[in-house]
Amino acid sequence: MNTTPSKTTNPDETAAPDAAATKDTETKDAPGTSSEADDSATASDDLATRPEDDAADEGIQDEDLEPDPFERARHGVGAGAAAVVSAALGVVALTGAWSGRVAAERETLIGQIKTSGGGSAAQQISEIYGDAWHTTALVNGVFALLALLVGVVVLVRPAFGAPADRPQPAWVRAVALAGVALGVLGVLISAGMYFDLFASLPSAGTPAAG
């Protein structure tokens, strides 16, 4: 009886495929592989980019919510300058301006021309002295009215328009109030001068008989 010898399995041949399969599995599951490295890199990029976007959004919101410091500075400088102008105009209204003197001299010259051919004493007084006096009062009154208007605008400006984040400086209000007071006083004095309330024009006296 012939017996066919059975095929002998080599242990090395069996173990080799199992080792290769195990190695592939470990390679796929091992950390630090290319796929996980790509996912980690993508996540890192997202995290690195996201704060910048958030910061940009917050920056835009802050710019929308916070007022421009340069705009606020310009607003304060404009109000202060207007207050100073108001006070200066009030001083000019009380002391007189060169424009008022020029206008008065012009009226005096016109009066002299009108009365050069002859005229009564009352007419000469009115043409030469009265018109120049009234012109000076009128010019001073214009300066006083401007001082009053500018000062009032500075004082009431915060009540109109968009509310400011900071109140108007105290010195601006004080100077504007001084301009208003000087303007009111200048208007009253100019009105009294123009209508001869403080001093009337001199009258032509009748010469006494000899």
N, C-alpha and C. Protein backbone atom coordinates (compact mmCIF):
# COMPACT_ATOMS: atom_id res chain seq x y z
N MET A 1 0.86 -1.20 0.00
CA MET A 1 0.00 0.00 0.00
C MET A 1 0.88 1.24 0.00
N ASN A 2 0.66 2.01 -1.04
CA ASN A 2 1.46 3.24 -1.15
C ASN A 2 0.78 4.36 -0.43
N THR A 3 1.47 4.98 0.43
CA THR A 3 0.92 6.17 1.18
C THR A 3 1.59 7.41 0.67
N THR A 4 0.69 8.37 0.19
CA THR A 4 1.22 9.66 -0.32
C THR A 4 1.55 10.56 0.83
N PRO A 5 2.75 10.97 0.88
CA PRO A 5 3.10 11.84 2.03
C PRO A 5 2.33 13.16 1.96
N SER A 6 1.76 13.53 3.12
CA SER A 6 1.00 14.80 3.18
C SER A 6 1.93 15.98 3.05
N LYS A 7 1.36 17.06 2.49
CA LYS A 7 2.11 18.29 2.26
C LYS A 7 2.39 18.99 3.58
N THR A 8 3.62 19.22 3.80
CA THR A 8 4.01 19.85 5.08
C THR A 8 3.96 21.36 4.94
N THR A 9 3.27 21.98 5.92
CA THR A 9 3.15 23.45 5.91
C THR A 9 4.32 24.06 6.64
N ASN A 10 4.93 24.98 5.97
CA ASN A 10 6.08 25.65 6.57
C ASN A 10 5.60 26.75 7.50
N PRO A 11 6.01 26.73 8.75
CA PRO A 11 5.55 27.77 9.69
C PRO A 11 5.94 29.17 9.26
N ASP A 12 7.09 29.31 8.59
CA ASP A 12 7.51 30.65 8.18
C ASP A 12 6.59 31.23 7.13
N GLU A 13 6.07 30.34 6.22
CA GLU A 13 5.18 30.83 5.19
C GLU A 13 3.85 31.29 5.77
N THR A 14 3.38 30.67 6.80
CA THR A 14 2.10 31.04 7.44
C THR A 14 2.24 32.32 8.23
N ALA A 15 3.35 32.45 8.89
CA ALA A 15 3.52 33.62 9.74
C ALA A 15 3.79 34.88 8.95
N ALA A 16 4.37 34.71 7.74
CA ALA A 16 4.72 35.90 6.98
C ALA A 16 3.51 36.72 6.57
N PRO A 17 2.43 36.10 5.96
CA PRO A 17 1.24 36.93 5.63
C PRO A 17 0.60 37.57 6.83
N ASP A 18 0.54 36.80 7.98
CA ASP A 18 -0.08 37.37 9.18
C ASP A 18 0.70 38.58 9.67
N ALA A 19 2.01 38.50 9.59
CA ALA A 19 2.83 39.64 10.03
C ALA A 19 2.64 40.84 9.13
N ALA A 20 2.52 40.56 7.79
CA ALA A 20 2.33 41.69 6.86
C ALA A 20 1.00 42.38 7.09
N ALA A 21 -0.08 41.56 7.34
CA ALA A 21 -1.40 42.14 7.60
C ALA A 21 -1.41 42.95 8.88
N THR A 22 -0.73 42.41 9.90
CA THR A 22 -0.67 43.14 11.17
C THR A 22 0.08 44.44 11.02
N LYS A 23 1.15 44.40 10.21
CA LYS A 23 1.93 45.61 10.00
C LYS A 23 1.13 46.68 9.27
N ASP A 24 0.33 46.25 8.26
CA ASP A 24 -0.51 47.23 7.54
C ASP A 24 -1.53 47.86 8.47
N THR A 25 -2.13 47.02 9.33
CA THR A 25 -3.14 47.54 10.26
C THR A 25 -2.53 48.53 11.23
N GLU A 26 -1.35 48.16 11.75
CA GLU A 26 -0.69 49.07 12.68
C GLU A 26 -0.29 50.36 12.00
N THR A 27 0.10 50.26 10.71
CA THR A 27 0.50 51.47 9.97
C THR A 27 -0.68 52.40 9.77
N LYS A 28 -1.87 51.82 9.49
CA LYS A 28 -3.06 52.66 9.30
C LYS A 28 -3.52 53.30 10.60
N ASP A 29 -3.41 52.49 11.69
CA ASP A 29 -3.90 53.00 12.98
C ASP A 29 -2.85 53.79 13.74
N ALA A 30 -1.61 53.74 13.30
CA ALA A 30 -0.55 54.41 14.05
C ALA A 30 -0.71 55.92 13.95
N PRO A 31 -0.53 56.65 15.07
CA PRO A 31 -0.60 58.12 15.02
C PRO A 31 0.56 58.69 14.25
N GLY A 32 0.33 59.89 13.67
CA GLY A 32 1.38 60.54 12.91
C GLY A 32 1.44 60.12 11.48
N THR A 33 0.40 59.39 10.99
CA THR A 33 0.38 59.02 9.59
C THR A 33 0.05 60.22 8.75
N SER A 34 0.13 60.07 7.42
CA SER A 34 -0.07 61.21 6.51
C SER A 34 -1.47 61.76 6.57
N SER A 35 -2.49 60.89 6.66
CA SER A 35 -3.88 61.37 6.68
C SER A 35 -4.17 62.16 7.94
N GLU A 36 -3.72 61.59 9.11
CA GLU A 36 -3.97 62.33 10.35
C GLU A 36 -3.14 63.61 10.40
N ALA A 37 -1.93 63.54 9.80
CA ALA A 37 -1.12 64.75 9.76
C ALA A 37 -1.78 65.84 8.93
N ASP A 38 -2.41 65.44 7.80
CA ASP A 38 -3.12 66.43 6.98
C ASP A 38 -4.29 67.02 7.73
N ASP A 39 -5.07 66.15 8.45
CA ASP A 39 -6.21 66.66 9.23
C ASP A 39 -5.74 67.62 10.31
N SER A 40 -4.65 67.27 10.97
CA SER A 40 -4.14 68.15 12.03
C SER A 40 -3.68 69.48 11.46
N ALA A 41 -3.02 69.44 10.30
CA ALA A 41 -2.57 70.69 9.68
C ALA A 41 -3.75 71.57 9.28
N THR A 42 -4.82 70.94 8.75
CA THR A 42 -6.01 71.71 8.37
C THR A 42 -6.66 72.35 9.58
N ALA A 43 -6.76 71.57 10.68
CA ALA A 43 -7.37 72.11 11.90
C ALA A 43 -6.54 73.25 12.46
N SER A 44 -5.20 73.11 12.39
CA SER A 44 -4.33 74.18 12.89
C SER A 44 -4.50 75.44 12.07
N ASP A 45 -4.63 75.27 10.75
CA ASP A 45 -4.85 76.44 9.89
C ASP A 45 -6.15 77.14 10.22
N ASP A 46 -7.21 76.32 10.49
CA ASP A 46 -8.50 76.93 10.85
C ASP A 46 -8.39 77.70 12.15
N LEU A 47 -7.71 77.09 13.14
CA LEU A 47 -7.57 77.78 14.42
C LEU A 47 -6.72 79.02 14.30
N ALA A 48 -5.70 78.96 13.43
CA ALA A 48 -4.84 80.13 13.26
C ALA A 48 -5.53 81.24 12.51
N THR A 49 -6.44 80.89 11.61
CA THR A 49 -7.13 81.89 10.81
C THR A 49 -8.32 82.49 11.53
N ARG A 50 -8.98 81.70 12.34
CA ARG A 50 -10.21 82.14 12.99
C ARG A 50 -10.01 83.31 13.94
N PRO A 51 -8.98 83.32 14.80
CA PRO A 51 -8.81 84.51 15.65
C PRO A 51 -8.59 85.79 14.87
N GLU A 52 -7.87 85.69 13.73
CA GLU A 52 -7.66 86.89 12.94
C GLU A 52 -8.97 87.43 12.38
N ASP A 53 -9.82 86.49 11.91
CA ASP A 53 -11.12 86.93 11.40
C ASP A 53 -11.95 87.55 12.50
N ASP A 54 -11.93 86.89 13.69
CA ASP A 54 -12.69 87.45 14.81
C ASP A 54 -12.15 88.81 15.21
N ALA A 55 -10.81 88.93 15.20
CA ALA A 55 -10.22 90.22 15.56
C ALA A 55 -10.59 91.30 14.55
N ALA A 56 -10.62 90.89 13.26
CA ALA A 56 -11.00 91.86 12.23
C ALA A 56 -12.44 92.30 12.42
N ASP A 57 -13.34 91.32 12.73
CA ASP A 57 -14.74 91.67 12.96
C ASP A 57 -14.88 92.58 14.17
N GLU A 58 -14.15 92.24 15.26
CA GLU A 58 -14.23 93.08 16.45
C GLU A 58 -13.69 94.47 16.18
N GLY A 59 -12.63 94.54 15.36
CA GLY A 59 -12.09 95.85 15.02
C GLY A 59 -13.09 96.70 14.26
N ILE A 60 -13.81 96.08 13.33
CA ILE A 60 -14.83 96.82 12.58
C ILE A 60 -15.94 97.28 13.50
N GLN A 61 -16.35 96.41 14.44
CA GLN A 61 -17.41 96.80 15.35
C GLN A 61 -16.95 97.93 16.26
N ASP A 62 -15.68 97.85 16.74
CA ASP A 62 -15.17 98.92 17.60
C ASP A 62 -15.11 100.24 16.86
N GLU A 63 -14.71 100.20 15.58
CA GLU A 63 -14.66 101.44 14.81
C GLU A 63 -16.05 102.01 14.60
N ASP A 64 -17.05 101.10 14.47
CA ASP A 64 -18.41 101.60 14.28
C ASP A 64 -18.97 102.18 15.56
N LEU A 65 -18.59 101.58 16.72
CA LEU A 65 -19.18 102.01 17.97
C LEU A 65 -18.46 103.20 18.57
N GLU A 66 -17.13 103.23 18.48
CA GLU A 66 -16.37 104.30 19.10
C GLU A 66 -16.24 105.48 18.15
N PRO A 67 -16.42 106.72 18.64
CA PRO A 67 -16.27 107.89 17.78
C PRO A 67 -14.81 108.12 17.41
N ASP A 68 -14.64 108.78 16.31
CA ASP A 68 -13.30 109.09 15.84
C ASP A 68 -12.68 110.15 16.74
N PRO A 69 -11.51 109.88 17.36
CA PRO A 69 -10.93 110.90 18.25
C PRO A 69 -10.56 112.17 17.52
N PHE A 70 -10.14 112.05 16.26
CA PHE A 70 -9.80 113.25 15.50
C PHE A 70 -11.04 114.10 15.23
N GLU A 71 -12.18 113.42 14.96
CA GLU A 71 -13.43 114.15 14.73
C GLU A 71 -13.86 114.85 16.00
N ARG A 72 -13.72 114.19 17.15
CA ARG A 72 -14.07 114.82 18.42
C ARG A 72 -13.18 116.01 18.71
N ALA A 73 -11.86 115.87 18.39
CA ALA A 73 -10.94 116.98 18.60
C ALA A 73 -11.28 118.17 17.72
N ARG A 74 -11.64 117.89 16.45
CA ARG A 74 -12.01 118.98 15.56
C ARG A 74 -13.26 119.69 16.05
N HIS A 75 -14.21 118.89 16.57
CA HIS A 75 -15.44 119.50 17.08
C HIS A 75 -15.14 120.41 18.26
N GLY A 76 -14.27 119.99 19.20
CA GLY A 76 -13.94 120.81 20.35
C GLY A 76 -13.19 122.06 19.97
N VAL A 77 -12.27 121.95 19.02
CA VAL A 77 -11.51 123.12 18.57
C VAL A 77 -12.43 124.13 17.89
N GLY A 78 -13.38 123.66 17.08
CA GLY A 78 -14.30 124.56 16.41
C GLY A 78 -15.17 125.33 17.39
N ALA A 79 -15.68 124.64 18.41
CA ALA A 79 -16.51 125.32 19.40
C ALA A 79 -15.70 126.34 20.19
N GLY A 80 -14.47 125.97 20.56
CA GLY A 80 -13.63 126.93 21.28
C GLY A 80 -13.28 128.14 20.45
N ALA A 81 -12.96 127.93 19.18
CA ALA A 81 -12.64 129.05 18.31
C ALA A 81 -13.83 129.98 18.14
N ALA A 82 -15.02 129.40 17.97
CA ALA A 82 -16.22 130.23 17.83
C ALA A 82 -16.50 131.04 19.09
N ALA A 83 -16.25 130.44 20.26
CA ALA A 83 -16.45 131.18 21.51
C ALA A 83 -15.49 132.36 21.61
N VAL A 84 -14.23 132.13 21.24
CA VAL A 84 -13.25 133.22 21.28
C VAL A 84 -13.63 134.33 20.30
N VAL A 85 -14.09 133.94 19.11
CA VAL A 85 -14.52 134.94 18.12
C VAL A 85 -15.69 135.76 18.66
N SER A 86 -16.61 135.11 19.34
CA SER A 86 -17.74 135.83 19.91
C SER A 86 -17.29 136.87 20.93
N ALA A 87 -16.38 136.47 21.82
CA ALA A 87 -15.88 137.43 22.81
C ALA A 87 -15.11 138.57 22.15
N ALA A 88 -14.31 138.25 21.12
CA ALA A 88 -13.56 139.30 20.43
C ALA A 88 -14.48 140.29 19.73
N LEU A 89 -15.52 139.79 19.10
CA LEU A 89 -16.47 140.68 18.45
C LEU A 89 -17.18 141.58 19.47
N GLY A 90 -17.45 141.03 20.64
CA GLY A 90 -18.07 141.86 21.68
C GLY A 90 -17.16 142.98 22.14
N VAL A 91 -15.86 142.68 22.27
CA VAL A 91 -14.90 143.73 22.66
C VAL A 91 -14.81 144.80 21.58
N VAL A 92 -14.77 144.37 20.32
CA VAL A 92 -14.70 145.33 19.22
C VAL A 92 -15.94 146.22 19.19
N ALA A 93 -17.09 145.63 19.48
CA ALA A 93 -18.33 146.41 19.47
C ALA A 93 -18.31 147.51 20.53
N LEU A 94 -17.64 147.26 21.65
CA LEU A 94 -17.60 148.26 22.72
C LEU A 94 -16.51 149.30 22.50
N THR A 95 -15.38 148.89 21.95
CA THR A 95 -14.25 149.81 21.79
C THR A 95 -14.25 150.52 20.44
N GLY A 96 -14.95 149.95 19.45
CA GLY A 96 -14.97 150.53 18.12
C GLY A 96 -13.97 149.85 17.20
N ALA A 97 -14.32 149.79 15.94
CA ALA A 97 -13.48 149.15 14.94
C ALA A 97 -13.00 150.18 13.93
N TRP A 98 -11.92 149.84 13.23
CA TRP A 98 -11.40 150.75 12.22
C TRP A 98 -12.40 150.95 11.09
N SER A 99 -13.19 149.93 10.83
CA SER A 99 -14.22 150.07 9.79
C SER A 99 -15.26 151.12 10.17
N GLY A 100 -15.58 151.20 11.47
CA GLY A 100 -16.50 152.23 11.92
C GLY A 100 -15.91 153.62 11.78
N ARG A 101 -14.62 153.75 12.08
CA ARG A 101 -13.98 155.07 11.93
C ARG A 101 -13.91 155.50 10.46
N VAL A 102 -13.60 154.53 9.60
CA VAL A 102 -13.55 154.85 8.17
C VAL A 102 -14.92 155.29 7.66
N ALA A 103 -15.96 154.59 8.09
CA ALA A 103 -17.30 154.95 7.65
C ALA A 103 -17.71 156.32 8.20
N ALA A 104 -17.32 156.60 9.43
CA ALA A 104 -17.65 157.91 10.01
C ALA A 104 -16.92 159.04 9.28
N GLU A 105 -15.65 158.84 8.95
CA GLU A 105 -14.91 159.86 8.20
C GLU A 105 -15.52 160.07 6.82
N ARG A 106 -16.00 159.00 6.23
CA ARG A 106 -16.64 159.14 4.92
C ARG A 106 -17.90 160.01 5.02
N GLU A 107 -18.70 159.75 6.04
CA GLU A 107 -19.91 160.54 6.22
C GLU A 107 -19.57 162.00 6.52
N THR A 108 -18.50 162.22 7.25
CA THR A 108 -18.09 163.60 7.53
C THR A 108 -17.69 164.32 6.25
N LEU A 109 -16.95 163.62 5.39
CA LEU A 109 -16.55 164.22 4.12
C LEU A 109 -17.76 164.52 3.23
N ILE A 110 -18.71 163.59 3.21
CA ILE A 110 -19.91 163.82 2.42
C ILE A 110 -20.68 165.03 2.94
N GLY A 111 -20.74 165.14 4.27
CA GLY A 111 -21.44 166.29 4.85
C GLY A 111 -20.75 167.60 4.53
N GLN A 112 -19.43 167.60 4.55
CA GLN A 112 -18.71 168.82 4.20
C GLN A 112 -18.95 169.22 2.75
N ILE A 113 -19.02 168.23 1.87
CA ILE A 113 -19.27 168.53 0.46
C ILE A 113 -20.68 169.11 0.28
N LYS A 114 -21.64 168.54 0.99
CA LYS A 114 -23.02 168.99 0.85
C LYS A 114 -23.19 170.42 1.36
N THR A 115 -22.49 170.74 2.44
CA THR A 115 -22.68 172.07 3.04
C THR A 115 -21.61 173.09 2.61
N SER A 116 -20.78 172.70 1.65
CA SER A 116 -19.74 173.65 1.21
C SER A 116 -20.34 174.85 0.48
N GLY A 117 -21.44 174.63 -0.19
CA GLY A 117 -22.06 175.74 -0.92
C GLY A 117 -22.91 176.63 -0.04
N GLY A 118 -23.00 176.29 1.22
CA GLY A 118 -23.83 177.08 2.13
C GLY A 118 -24.87 176.20 2.79
N GLY A 119 -25.28 176.56 3.90
CA GLY A 119 -26.28 175.82 4.65
C GLY A 119 -26.40 176.35 6.05
N SER A 120 -27.49 176.04 6.67
CA SER A 120 -27.72 176.51 8.04
C SER A 120 -26.82 175.77 9.01
N ALA A 121 -26.73 176.29 10.20
CA ALA A 121 -25.90 175.64 11.23
C ALA A 121 -26.46 174.28 11.61
N ALA A 122 -27.76 174.16 11.68
CA ALA A 122 -28.39 172.87 12.02
C ALA A 122 -28.11 171.83 10.95
N GLN A 123 -28.14 172.27 9.70
CA GLN A 123 -27.85 171.33 8.62
C GLN A 123 -26.39 170.88 8.66
N GLN A 124 -25.49 171.80 8.92
CA GLN A 124 -24.08 171.43 9.00
C GLN A 124 -23.83 170.47 10.16
N ILE A 125 -24.48 170.71 11.28
CA ILE A 125 -24.31 169.81 12.43
C ILE A 125 -24.82 168.41 12.08
N SER A 126 -25.97 168.35 11.44
CA SER A 126 -26.56 167.06 11.10
C SER A 126 -25.75 166.32 10.05
N GLU A 127 -25.29 167.05 9.04
CA GLU A 127 -24.59 166.40 7.93
C GLU A 127 -23.15 166.01 8.31
N ILE A 128 -22.49 166.87 9.05
CA ILE A 128 -21.08 166.63 9.32
C ILE A 128 -20.88 165.80 10.60
N TYR A 129 -21.64 166.10 11.61
CA TYR A 129 -21.42 165.45 12.91
C TYR A 129 -22.43 164.34 13.16
N GLY A 130 -23.70 164.60 12.92
CA GLY A 130 -24.75 163.62 13.26
C GLY A 130 -24.65 162.34 12.45
N ASP A 131 -24.45 162.47 11.13
CA ASP A 131 -24.39 161.27 10.29
C ASP A 131 -23.18 160.40 10.62
N ALA A 132 -22.05 161.05 10.90
CA ALA A 132 -20.85 160.28 11.27
C ALA A 132 -21.05 159.56 12.61
N TRP A 133 -21.70 160.22 13.55
CA TRP A 133 -21.98 159.62 14.86
C TRP A 133 -22.90 158.41 14.71
N HIS A 134 -23.93 158.57 13.93
CA HIS A 134 -24.88 157.46 13.74
C HIS A 134 -24.27 156.30 12.96
N THR A 135 -23.40 156.61 12.02
CA THR A 135 -22.74 155.55 11.27
C THR A 135 -21.83 154.72 12.17
N THR A 136 -21.10 155.40 13.05
CA THR A 136 -20.25 154.67 14.00
C THR A 136 -21.09 153.76 14.90
N ALA A 137 -22.20 154.29 15.37
CA ALA A 137 -23.08 153.48 16.22
C ALA A 137 -23.63 152.28 15.46
N LEU A 138 -23.96 152.47 14.18
CA LEU A 138 -24.51 151.38 13.39
C LEU A 138 -23.47 150.27 13.17
N VAL A 139 -22.24 150.64 12.87
CA VAL A 139 -21.19 149.63 12.66
C VAL A 139 -20.90 148.87 13.95
N ASN A 140 -20.81 149.60 15.06
CA ASN A 140 -20.59 148.93 16.34
C ASN A 140 -21.75 148.01 16.70
N GLY A 141 -22.94 148.41 16.35
CA GLY A 141 -24.10 147.55 16.62
C GLY A 141 -24.07 146.27 15.80
N VAL A 142 -23.56 146.36 14.57
CA VAL A 142 -23.44 145.15 13.75
C VAL A 142 -22.45 144.17 14.38
N PHE A 143 -21.32 144.67 14.86
CA PHE A 143 -20.35 143.80 15.53
C PHE A 143 -20.94 143.20 16.80
N ALA A 144 -21.69 143.99 17.54
CA ALA A 144 -22.30 143.48 18.76
C ALA A 144 -23.33 142.39 18.46
N LEU A 145 -24.10 142.58 17.40
CA LEU A 145 -25.09 141.58 17.04
C LEU A 145 -24.42 140.27 16.59
N LEU A 146 -23.33 140.39 15.86
CA LEU A 146 -22.60 139.18 15.46
C LEU A 146 -22.04 138.44 16.67
N ALA A 147 -21.50 139.19 17.63
CA ALA A 147 -20.99 138.56 18.85
C ALA A 147 -22.10 137.83 19.59
N LEU A 148 -23.26 138.43 19.65
CA LEU A 148 -24.39 137.81 20.33
C LEU A 148 -24.83 136.53 19.63
N LEU A 149 -24.93 136.57 18.32
CA LEU A 149 -25.39 135.40 17.58
C LEU A 149 -24.39 134.24 17.66
N VAL A 150 -23.10 134.55 17.50
CA VAL A 150 -22.09 133.48 17.56
C VAL A 150 -22.05 132.85 18.95
N GLY A 151 -22.11 133.66 19.98
CA GLY A 151 -22.11 133.11 21.33
C GLY A 151 -23.32 132.24 21.62
N VAL A 152 -24.48 132.65 21.15
CA VAL A 152 -25.69 131.85 21.36
C VAL A 152 -25.60 130.52 20.62
N VAL A 153 -25.07 130.55 19.40
CA VAL A 153 -24.91 129.31 18.64
C VAL A 153 -23.99 128.33 19.35
N VAL A 154 -22.89 128.84 19.91
CA VAL A 154 -21.97 127.95 20.63
C VAL A 154 -22.64 127.35 21.87
N LEU A 155 -23.45 128.11 22.55
CA LEU A 155 -24.08 127.62 23.77
C LEU A 155 -25.18 126.60 23.49
N VAL A 156 -25.94 126.80 22.43
CA VAL A 156 -27.07 125.90 22.17
C VAL A 156 -26.71 124.78 21.20
N ARG A 157 -25.50 124.78 20.65
CA ARG A 157 -25.13 123.74 19.69
C ARG A 157 -25.20 122.33 20.27
N PRO A 158 -24.77 122.04 21.51
CA PRO A 158 -24.86 120.66 22.01
C PRO A 158 -26.27 120.12 22.10
N ALA A 159 -27.28 120.98 22.13
CA ALA A 159 -28.65 120.50 22.24
C ALA A 159 -29.20 120.00 20.93
N PHE A 160 -28.52 120.23 19.83
CA PHE A 160 -28.98 119.83 18.51
C PHE A 160 -28.00 118.84 17.90
N GLY A 161 -28.50 118.04 16.99
CA GLY A 161 -27.66 117.06 16.31
C GLY A 161 -27.42 115.83 17.16
N ALA A 162 -26.42 115.04 16.77
CA ALA A 162 -26.10 113.81 17.48
C ALA A 162 -25.49 114.15 18.83
N PRO A 163 -25.89 113.46 19.91
CA PRO A 163 -25.32 113.75 21.22
C PRO A 163 -23.85 113.39 21.27
N ALA A 164 -23.05 114.25 21.89
CA ALA A 164 -21.61 114.02 22.00
C ALA A 164 -21.32 113.10 23.18
N ASP A 165 -20.23 112.31 23.06
CA ASP A 165 -19.88 111.41 24.15
C ASP A 165 -19.28 112.15 25.33
N ARG A 166 -18.79 113.37 25.11
CA ARG A 166 -18.23 114.17 26.19
C ARG A 166 -18.92 115.52 26.22
N PRO A 167 -19.15 116.06 27.43
CA PRO A 167 -19.79 117.38 27.50
C PRO A 167 -18.88 118.47 26.98
N GLN A 168 -19.48 119.60 26.66
CA GLN A 168 -18.71 120.73 26.16
C GLN A 168 -17.80 121.25 27.26
N PRO A 169 -16.53 121.55 26.95
CA PRO A 169 -15.63 122.04 28.01
C PRO A 169 -16.18 123.29 28.68
N ALA A 170 -15.85 123.42 29.96
CA ALA A 170 -16.37 124.55 30.73
C ALA A 170 -15.83 125.88 30.23
N TRP A 171 -14.56 125.89 29.79
CA TRP A 171 -14.00 127.16 29.35
C TRP A 171 -14.65 127.65 28.06
N VAL A 172 -15.10 126.71 27.22
CA VAL A 172 -15.79 127.11 25.99
C VAL A 172 -17.11 127.78 26.34
N ARG A 173 -17.85 127.19 27.26
CA ARG A 173 -19.12 127.80 27.66
C ARG A 173 -18.91 129.16 28.32
N ALA A 174 -17.85 129.27 29.13
CA ALA A 174 -17.59 130.54 29.81
C ALA A 174 -17.25 131.65 28.81
N VAL A 175 -16.39 131.34 27.86
CA VAL A 175 -16.01 132.35 26.86
C VAL A 175 -17.21 132.72 25.98
N ALA A 176 -18.00 131.72 25.60
CA ALA A 176 -19.19 132.00 24.78
C ALA A 176 -20.19 132.86 25.56
N LEU A 177 -20.34 132.58 26.84
CA LEU A 177 -21.25 133.39 27.67
C LEU A 177 -20.75 134.82 27.79
N ALA A 178 -19.42 134.98 27.89
CA ALA A 178 -18.85 136.33 27.92
C ALA A 178 -19.12 137.05 26.60
N GLY A 179 -18.99 136.34 25.48
CA GLY A 179 -19.30 136.95 24.19
C GLY A 179 -20.76 137.37 24.09
N VAL A 180 -21.67 136.55 24.62
CA VAL A 180 -23.10 136.92 24.60
C VAL A 180 -23.34 138.16 25.45
N ALA A 181 -22.73 138.22 26.63
CA ALA A 181 -22.92 139.39 27.50
C ALA A 181 -22.38 140.65 26.85
N LEU A 182 -21.19 140.56 26.26
CA LEU A 182 -20.63 141.73 25.58
C LEU A 182 -21.47 142.12 24.37
N GLY A 183 -22.01 141.14 23.68
CA GLY A 183 -22.86 141.44 22.53
C GLY A 183 -24.14 142.17 22.93
N VAL A 184 -24.76 141.70 24.00
CA VAL A 184 -25.97 142.37 24.47
C VAL A 184 -25.67 143.80 24.90
N LEU A 185 -24.57 143.98 25.64
CA LEU A 185 -24.20 145.33 26.07
C LEU A 185 -23.87 146.22 24.88
N GLY A 186 -23.17 145.66 23.88
CA GLY A 186 -22.86 146.46 22.70
C GLY A 186 -24.10 146.86 21.91
N VAL A 187 -25.06 145.95 21.81
CA VAL A 187 -26.30 146.29 21.10
C VAL A 187 -27.03 147.42 21.81
N LEU A 188 -27.10 147.37 23.14
CA LEU A 188 -27.80 148.42 23.89
C LEU A 188 -27.10 149.77 23.74
N ILE A 189 -25.78 149.77 23.84
CA ILE A 189 -25.05 151.04 23.72
C ILE A 189 -25.16 151.60 22.30
N SER A 190 -25.05 150.74 21.30
CA SER A 190 -25.16 151.21 19.92
C SER A 190 -26.54 151.76 19.62
N ALA A 191 -27.56 151.11 20.16
CA ALA A 191 -28.92 151.61 19.95
C ALA A 191 -29.11 152.98 20.60
N GLY A 192 -28.54 153.13 21.81
CA GLY A 192 -28.65 154.44 22.47
C GLY A 192 -27.90 155.52 21.71
N MET A 193 -26.75 155.18 21.13
CA MET A 193 -26.00 156.17 20.34
C MET A 193 -26.75 156.53 19.06
N TYR A 194 -27.31 155.52 18.41
CA TYR A 194 -27.96 155.78 17.13
C TYR A 194 -29.22 156.64 17.29
N PHE A 195 -29.97 156.41 18.35
CA PHE A 195 -31.20 157.17 18.56
C PHE A 195 -30.99 158.36 19.49
N ASP A 196 -29.76 158.73 19.75
CA ASP A 196 -29.42 159.92 20.55
C ASP A 196 -30.07 159.86 21.93
N LEU A 197 -30.01 158.66 22.55
CA LEU A 197 -30.60 158.52 23.89
C LEU A 197 -29.64 158.97 24.98
N PHE A 198 -28.36 158.80 24.78
CA PHE A 198 -27.38 159.18 25.79
C PHE A 198 -26.98 160.66 25.67
N ALA A 199 -26.87 161.14 24.46
CA ALA A 199 -26.49 162.54 24.23
C ALA A 199 -27.10 162.99 22.91
N SER A 200 -27.79 164.05 22.93
CA SER A 200 -28.42 164.57 21.71
C SER A 200 -27.42 165.40 20.93
N LEU A 201 -27.75 165.61 19.68
CA LEU A 201 -26.89 166.44 18.82
C LEU A 201 -26.93 167.89 19.32
N PRO A 202 -25.84 168.57 19.21
CA PRO A 202 -25.84 170.00 19.63
C PRO A 202 -26.77 170.80 18.70
N SER A 203 -27.43 171.74 19.29
CA SER A 203 -28.33 172.59 18.52
C SER A 203 -27.64 173.89 18.19
N ALA A 204 -28.07 174.46 17.06
CA ALA A 204 -27.50 175.76 16.63
C ALA A 204 -28.12 176.87 17.47
N GLY A 205 -27.33 177.57 18.24
CA GLY A 205 -27.84 178.64 19.09
C GLY A 205 -28.10 179.93 18.26
N THR A 206 -29.04 180.68 18.70
CA THR A 206 -29.35 181.95 18.05
C THR A 206 -28.43 183.03 18.58
N PRO A 207 -27.70 183.68 17.75
CA PRO A 207 -26.78 184.72 18.25
C PRO A 207 -27.56 185.86 18.93
N ALA A 208 -26.98 186.29 20.00
CA ALA A 208 -27.65 187.36 20.77
C ALA A 208 -27.54 188.70 20.00
N ALA A 209 -28.58 189.54 20.19
CA ALA A 209 -28.60 190.85 19.52
C ALA A 209 -27.66 191.80 20.24
N GLY A 210 -26.90 192.57 19.49
CA GLY A 210 -25.95 193.48 20.06
C GLY A 210 -26.56 194.86 20.34
